[in-house]
Amino acid sequence: MTAQQWSDFCVLIGQYDWSNDQELASAEGRMRRTSEVLPKIEEWVAARTANEILETAAPFRIPVGR
């Protein structure tokens, strides 16, 4: 995931502050903070159907799939 894709993903899931966090811009930084990041992502995903996620991510050009 590129830094731009990560930033767009943060906006997509409503975690705007993450998009400005330099540590989270890298996969390594996100791995260090998995306990913070993963629960928020899981919560967002659990609240939506697969189709909703696909339709929401497409305009952002965020790579997603079933």
PDB file of N, CA and C in Angstrom:
ATOM      1  N   MET A   1       0.839  -1.161   0.000  1.00  0.00           N
ATOM      2  CA  MET A   1       0.000   0.000   0.000  1.00  0.00           C
ATOM      3  C   MET A   1       0.895   1.239   0.000  1.00  0.00           C
ATOM      4  N   THR A   2       0.627   2.121  -0.943  1.00  0.00           N
ATOM      5  CA  THR A   2       1.404   3.355  -0.994  1.00  0.00           C
ATOM      6  C   THR A   2       0.951   4.311   0.099  1.00  0.00           C
ATOM      7  N   ALA A   3       1.757   5.327   0.335  1.00  0.00           N
ATOM      8  CA  ALA A   3       1.401   6.335   1.340  1.00  0.00           C
ATOM      9  C   ALA A   3       0.087   7.017   0.959  1.00  0.00           C
ATOM     10  N   GLN A   4      -0.123   7.260  -0.327  1.00  0.00           N
ATOM     11  CA  GLN A   4      -1.375   7.886  -0.782  1.00  0.00           C
ATOM     12  C   GLN A   4      -2.558   6.956  -0.552  1.00  0.00           C
ATOM     13  N   GLN A   5      -2.382   5.674  -0.842  1.00  0.00           N
ATOM     14  CA  GLN A   5      -3.457   4.716  -0.605  1.00  0.00           C
ATOM     15  C   GLN A   5      -3.780   4.651   0.891  1.00  0.00           C
ATOM     16  N   TRP A   6      -2.761   4.663   1.729  1.00  0.00           N
ATOM     17  CA  TRP A   6      -2.985   4.644   3.170  1.00  0.00           C
ATOM     18  C   TRP A   6      -3.762   5.885   3.600  1.00  0.00           C
ATOM     19  N   SER A   7      -3.361   7.047   3.111  1.00  0.00           N
ATOM     20  CA  SER A   7      -4.045   8.288   3.453  1.00  0.00           C
ATOM     21  C   SER A   7      -5.510   8.234   3.021  1.00  0.00           C
ATOM     22  N   ASP A   8      -5.759   7.764   1.820  1.00  0.00           N
ATOM     23  CA  ASP A   8      -7.131   7.637   1.331  1.00  0.00           C
ATOM     24  C   ASP A   8      -7.918   6.631   2.165  1.00  0.00           C
ATOM     25  N   PHE A   9      -7.266   5.547   2.543  1.00  0.00           N
ATOM     26  CA  PHE A   9      -7.916   4.538   3.379  1.00  0.00           C
ATOM     27  C   PHE A   9      -8.307   5.134   4.728  1.00  0.00           C
ATOM     28  N   CYS A  10      -7.441   5.936   5.304  1.00  0.00           N
ATOM     29  CA  CYS A  10      -7.739   6.585   6.585  1.00  0.00           C
ATOM     30  C   CYS A  10      -8.985   7.454   6.475  1.00  0.00           C
ATOM     31  N   VAL A  11      -9.080   8.197   5.394  1.00  0.00           N
ATOM     32  CA  VAL A  11     -10.265   9.023   5.156  1.00  0.00           C
ATOM     33  C   VAL A  11     -11.485   8.122   4.987  1.00  0.00           C
ATOM     34  N   LEU A  12     -11.333   7.067   4.229  1.00  0.00           N
ATOM     35  CA  LEU A  12     -12.428   6.129   3.980  1.00  0.00           C
ATOM     36  C   LEU A  12     -13.026   5.600   5.273  1.00  0.00           C
ATOM     37  N   ILE A  13     -12.192   5.230   6.230  1.00  0.00           N
ATOM     38  CA  ILE A  13     -12.688   4.631   7.464  1.00  0.00           C
ATOM     39  C   ILE A  13     -12.878   5.660   8.586  1.00  0.00           C
ATOM     40  N   GLY A  14     -12.691   6.936   8.273  1.00  0.00           N
ATOM     41  CA  GLY A  14     -12.944   7.983   9.249  1.00  0.00           C
ATOM     42  C   GLY A  14     -11.863   8.179  10.286  1.00  0.00           C
ATOM     43  N   GLN A  15     -10.669   7.693  10.013  1.00  0.00           N
ATOM     44  CA  GLN A  15      -9.528   7.866  10.929  1.00  0.00           C
ATOM     45  C   GLN A  15      -8.601   8.943  10.357  1.00  0.00           C
ATOM     46  N   TYR A  16      -9.117  10.160  10.280  1.00  0.00           N
ATOM     47  CA  TYR A  16      -8.406  11.260   9.631  1.00  0.00           C
ATOM     48  C   TYR A  16      -7.053  11.550  10.256  1.00  0.00           C
ATOM     49  N   ASP A  17      -6.953  11.418  11.576  1.00  0.00           N
ATOM     50  CA  ASP A  17      -5.697  11.705  12.258  1.00  0.00           C
ATOM     51  C   ASP A  17      -4.588  10.743  11.841  1.00  0.00           C
ATOM     52  N   TRP A  18      -4.950   9.528  11.473  1.00  0.00           N
ATOM     53  CA  TRP A  18      -3.929   8.560  11.030  1.00  0.00           C
ATOM     54  C   TRP A  18      -3.240   9.024   9.747  1.00  0.00           C
ATOM     55  N   SER A  19      -3.966   9.716   8.869  1.00  0.00           N
ATOM     56  CA  SER A  19      -3.378  10.110   7.591  1.00  0.00           C
ATOM     57  C   SER A  19      -2.264  11.136   7.760  1.00  0.00           C
ATOM     58  N   ASN A  20      -2.231  11.819   8.895  1.00  0.00           N
ATOM     59  CA  ASN A  20      -1.171  12.799   9.165  1.00  0.00           C
ATOM     60  C   ASN A  20      -0.064  12.250  10.049  1.00  0.00           C
ATOM     61  N   ASP A  21      -0.186  10.993  10.420  1.00  0.00           N
ATOM     62  CA  ASP A  21       0.789  10.359  11.316  1.00  0.00           C
ATOM     63  C   ASP A  21       1.889   9.715  10.472  1.00  0.00           C
ATOM     64  N   GLN A  22       3.074  10.275  10.518  1.00  0.00           N
ATOM     65  CA  GLN A  22       4.181   9.802   9.675  1.00  0.00           C
ATOM     66  C   GLN A  22       4.551   8.353   9.952  1.00  0.00           C
ATOM     67  N   GLU A  23       4.457   7.928  11.188  1.00  0.00           N
ATOM     68  CA  GLU A  23       4.804   6.539  11.505  1.00  0.00           C
ATOM     69  C   GLU A  23       3.838   5.575  10.817  1.00  0.00           C
ATOM     70  N   LEU A  24       2.569   5.925  10.775  1.00  0.00           N
ATOM     71  CA  LEU A  24       1.582   5.053  10.162  1.00  0.00           C
ATOM     72  C   LEU A  24       1.621   5.076   8.634  1.00  0.00           C
ATOM     73  N   ALA A  25       2.360   5.993   8.066  1.00  0.00           N
ATOM     74  CA  ALA A  25       2.462   6.067   6.605  1.00  0.00           C
ATOM     75  C   ALA A  25       3.229   4.879   6.027  1.00  0.00           C
ATOM     76  N   SER A  26       3.996   4.191   6.864  1.00  0.00           N
ATOM     77  CA  SER A  26       4.749   3.031   6.381  1.00  0.00           C
ATOM     78  C   SER A  26       4.158   1.743   6.946  1.00  0.00           C
ATOM     79  N   ALA A  27       4.299   0.681   6.200  1.00  0.00           N
ATOM     80  CA  ALA A  27       3.820  -0.630   6.657  1.00  0.00           C
ATOM     81  C   ALA A  27       4.523  -1.025   7.946  1.00  0.00           C
ATOM     82  N   GLU A  28       5.792  -0.727   8.042  1.00  0.00           N
ATOM     83  CA  GLU A  28       6.552  -1.034   9.253  1.00  0.00           C
ATOM     84  C   GLU A  28       5.974  -0.302  10.464  1.00  0.00           C
ATOM     85  N   GLY A  29       5.650   0.957  10.284  1.00  0.00           N
ATOM     86  CA  GLY A  29       5.061   1.735  11.370  1.00  0.00           C
ATOM     87  C   GLY A  29       3.701   1.192  11.782  1.00  0.00           C
ATOM     88  N   ARG A  30       2.909   0.790  10.804  1.00  0.00           N
ATOM     89  CA  ARG A  30       1.596   0.213  11.114  1.00  0.00           C
ATOM     90  C   ARG A  30       1.741  -1.103  11.841  1.00  0.00           C
ATOM     91  N   MET A  31       2.753  -1.885  11.497  1.00  0.00           N
ATOM     92  CA  MET A  31       2.985  -3.158  12.185  1.00  0.00           C
ATOM     93  C   MET A  31       3.358  -2.914  13.648  1.00  0.00           C
ATOM     94  N   ARG A  32       4.155  -1.887  13.909  1.00  0.00           N
ATOM     95  CA  ARG A  32       4.524  -1.562  15.284  1.00  0.00           C
ATOM     96  C   ARG A  32       3.307  -1.162  16.114  1.00  0.00           C
ATOM     97  N   ARG A  33       2.307  -0.625  15.444  1.00  0.00           N
ATOM     98  CA  ARG A  33       1.125  -0.120  16.155  1.00  0.00           C
ATOM     99  C   ARG A  33      -0.136  -0.928  15.826  1.00  0.00           C
ATOM    100  N   THR A  34       0.071  -2.195  15.517  1.00  0.00           N
ATOM    101  CA  THR A  34      -1.048  -3.069  15.157  1.00  0.00           C
ATOM    102  C   THR A  34      -2.143  -3.074  16.212  1.00  0.00           C
ATOM    103  N   SER A  35      -1.774  -3.084  17.469  1.00  0.00           N
ATOM    104  CA  SER A  35      -2.784  -3.152  18.533  1.00  0.00           C
ATOM    105  C   SER A  35      -3.679  -1.914  18.550  1.00  0.00           C
ATOM    106  N   GLU A  36      -3.219  -0.828  17.989  1.00  0.00           N
ATOM    107  CA  GLU A  36      -4.013   0.394  17.892  1.00  0.00           C
ATOM    108  C   GLU A  36      -4.819   0.425  16.598  1.00  0.00           C
ATOM    109  N   VAL A  37      -4.181   0.035  15.504  1.00  0.00           N
ATOM    110  CA  VAL A  37      -4.766   0.182  14.178  1.00  0.00           C
ATOM    111  C   VAL A  37      -5.772  -0.928  13.839  1.00  0.00           C
ATOM    112  N   LEU A  38      -5.409  -2.159  14.080  1.00  0.00           N
ATOM    113  CA  LEU A  38      -6.234  -3.287  13.647  1.00  0.00           C
ATOM    114  C   LEU A  38      -7.645  -3.281  14.241  1.00  0.00           C
ATOM    115  N   PRO A  39      -7.829  -3.035  15.530  1.00  0.00           N
ATOM    116  CA  PRO A  39      -9.199  -3.034  16.063  1.00  0.00           C
ATOM    117  C   PRO A  39     -10.116  -2.001  15.399  1.00  0.00           C
ATOM    118  N   LYS A  40      -9.574  -0.836  15.083  1.00  0.00           N
ATOM    119  CA  LYS A  40     -10.379   0.208  14.425  1.00  0.00           C
ATOM    120  C   LYS A  40     -10.769  -0.219  13.013  1.00  0.00           C
ATOM    121  N   ILE A  41      -9.831  -0.842  12.297  1.00  0.00           N
ATOM    122  CA  ILE A  41     -10.132  -1.318  10.948  1.00  0.00           C
ATOM    123  C   ILE A  41     -11.161  -2.439  11.011  1.00  0.00           C
ATOM    124  N   GLU A  42     -10.975  -3.368  11.927  1.00  0.00           N
ATOM    125  CA  GLU A  42     -11.915  -4.483  12.074  1.00  0.00           C
ATOM    126  C   GLU A  42     -13.315  -3.981  12.420  1.00  0.00           C
ATOM    127  N   GLU A  43     -13.401  -2.979  13.271  1.00  0.00           N
ATOM    128  CA  GLU A  43     -14.693  -2.404  13.652  1.00  0.00           C
ATOM    129  C   GLU A  43     -15.393  -1.810  12.433  1.00  0.00           C
ATOM    130  N   TRP A  44     -14.641  -1.075  11.621  1.00  0.00           N
ATOM    131  CA  TRP A  44     -15.210  -0.444  10.427  1.00  0.00           C
ATOM    132  C   TRP A  44     -15.686  -1.509   9.446  1.00  0.00           C
ATOM    133  N   VAL A  45     -14.869  -2.522   9.219  1.00  0.00           N
ATOM    134  CA  VAL A  45     -15.218  -3.587   8.278  1.00  0.00           C
ATOM    135  C   VAL A  45     -16.439  -4.366   8.762  1.00  0.00           C
ATOM    136  N   ALA A  46     -16.498  -4.671  10.050  1.00  0.00           N
ATOM    137  CA  ALA A  46     -17.592  -5.471  10.601  1.00  0.00           C
ATOM    138  C   ALA A  46     -18.946  -4.785  10.468  1.00  0.00           C
ATOM    139  N   ALA A  47     -18.933  -3.471  10.379  1.00  0.00           N
ATOM    140  CA  ALA A  47     -20.179  -2.712  10.295  1.00  0.00           C
ATOM    141  C   ALA A  47     -20.724  -2.592   8.874  1.00  0.00           C
ATOM    142  N   ARG A  48     -20.036  -3.205   7.892  1.00  0.00           N
ATOM    143  CA  ARG A  48     -20.421  -3.060   6.497  1.00  0.00           C
ATOM    144  C   ARG A  48     -20.439  -4.402   5.783  1.00  0.00           C
ATOM    145  N   THR A  49     -21.232  -4.462   4.733  1.00  0.00           N
ATOM    146  CA  THR A  49     -21.220  -5.652   3.887  1.00  0.00           C
ATOM    147  C   THR A  49     -20.035  -5.561   2.936  1.00  0.00           C
ATOM    148  N   ALA A  50     -19.700  -6.679   2.330  1.00  0.00           N
ATOM    149  CA  ALA A  50     -18.607  -6.686   1.346  1.00  0.00           C
ATOM    150  C   ALA A  50     -18.918  -5.737   0.197  1.00  0.00           C
ATOM    151  N   ASN A  51     -20.154  -5.729  -0.264  1.00  0.00           N
ATOM    152  CA  ASN A  51     -20.523  -4.832  -1.359  1.00  0.00           C
ATOM    153  C   ASN A  51     -20.387  -3.371  -0.966  1.00  0.00           C
ATOM    154  N   GLU A  52     -20.771  -3.033   0.260  1.00  0.00           N
ATOM    155  CA  GLU A  52     -20.624  -1.654   0.725  1.00  0.00           C
ATOM    156  C   GLU A  52     -19.158  -1.237   0.740  1.00  0.00           C
ATOM    157  N   ILE A  53     -18.317  -2.125   1.187  1.00  0.00           N
ATOM    158  CA  ILE A  53     -16.881  -1.818   1.238  1.00  0.00           C
ATOM    159  C   ILE A  53     -16.333  -1.630  -0.174  1.00  0.00           C
ATOM    160  N   LEU A  54     -16.682  -2.535  -1.073  1.00  0.00           N
ATOM    161  CA  LEU A  54     -16.211  -2.423  -2.458  1.00  0.00           C
ATOM    162  C   LEU A  54     -16.687  -1.126  -3.103  1.00  0.00           C
ATOM    163  N   GLU A  55     -17.948  -0.796  -2.912  1.00  0.00           N
ATOM    164  CA  GLU A  55     -18.506   0.415  -3.517  1.00  0.00           C
ATOM    165  C   GLU A  55     -17.911   1.684  -2.912  1.00  0.00           C
ATOM    166  N   THR A  56     -17.605   1.656  -1.643  1.00  0.00           N
ATOM    167  CA  THR A  56     -17.038   2.818  -0.968  1.00  0.00           C
ATOM    168  C   THR A  56     -15.571   3.011  -1.328  1.00  0.00           C
ATOM    169  N   ALA A  57     -14.840   1.930  -1.467  1.00  0.00           N
ATOM    170  CA  ALA A  57     -13.405   2.010  -1.749  1.00  0.00           C
ATOM    171  C   ALA A  57     -13.105   2.349  -3.211  1.00  0.00           C
ATOM    172  N   ALA A  58     -13.977   1.950  -4.113  1.00  0.00           N
ATOM    173  CA  ALA A  58     -13.713   2.142  -5.544  1.00  0.00           C
ATOM    174  C   ALA A  58     -13.422   3.595  -5.927  1.00  0.00           C
ATOM    175  N   PRO A  59     -14.222   4.567  -5.494  1.00  0.00           N
ATOM    176  CA  PRO A  59     -13.914   5.956  -5.882  1.00  0.00           C
ATOM    177  C   PRO A  59     -12.560   6.450  -5.370  1.00  0.00           C
ATOM    178  N   PHE A  60     -12.095   5.873  -4.279  1.00  0.00           N
ATOM    179  CA  PHE A  60     -10.788   6.236  -3.728  1.00  0.00           C
ATOM    180  C   PHE A  60      -9.645   5.526  -4.448  1.00  0.00           C
ATOM    181  N   ARG A  61     -10.009   4.567  -5.301  1.00  0.00           N
ATOM    182  CA  ARG A  61      -9.027   3.736  -6.012  1.00  0.00           C
ATOM    183  C   ARG A  61      -8.173   2.937  -5.027  1.00  0.00           C
ATOM    184  N   ILE A  62      -8.812   2.527  -3.953  1.00  0.00           N
ATOM    185  CA  ILE A  62      -8.154   1.675  -2.951  1.00  0.00           C
ATOM    186  C   ILE A  62      -8.341   0.227  -3.391  1.00  0.00           C
ATOM    187  N   PRO A  63      -7.257  -0.509  -3.535  1.00  0.00           N
ATOM    188  CA  PRO A  63      -7.384  -1.896  -3.990  1.00  0.00           C
ATOM    189  C   PRO A  63      -8.086  -2.767  -2.934  1.00  0.00           C
ATOM    190  N   VAL A  64      -9.225  -3.301  -3.320  1.00  0.00           N
ATOM    191  CA  VAL A  64      -9.985  -4.194  -2.457  1.00  0.00           C
ATOM    192  C   VAL A  64     -10.515  -5.346  -3.302  1.00  0.00           C
ATOM    193  N   GLY A  65     -10.877  -6.403  -2.660  1.00  0.00           N
ATOM    194  CA  GLY A  65     -11.467  -7.531  -3.371  1.00  0.00           C
ATOM    195  C   GLY A  65     -12.072  -8.499  -2.386  1.00  0.00           C
ATOM    196  N   ARG A  66     -12.869  -9.377  -2.935  1.00  0.00           N
ATOM    197  CA  ARG A  66     -13.505 -10.396  -2.105  1.00  0.00           C
ATOM    198  C   ARG A  66     -12.645 -11.614  -2.006  1.00  0.00           C
TER     199      ARG A  66
END
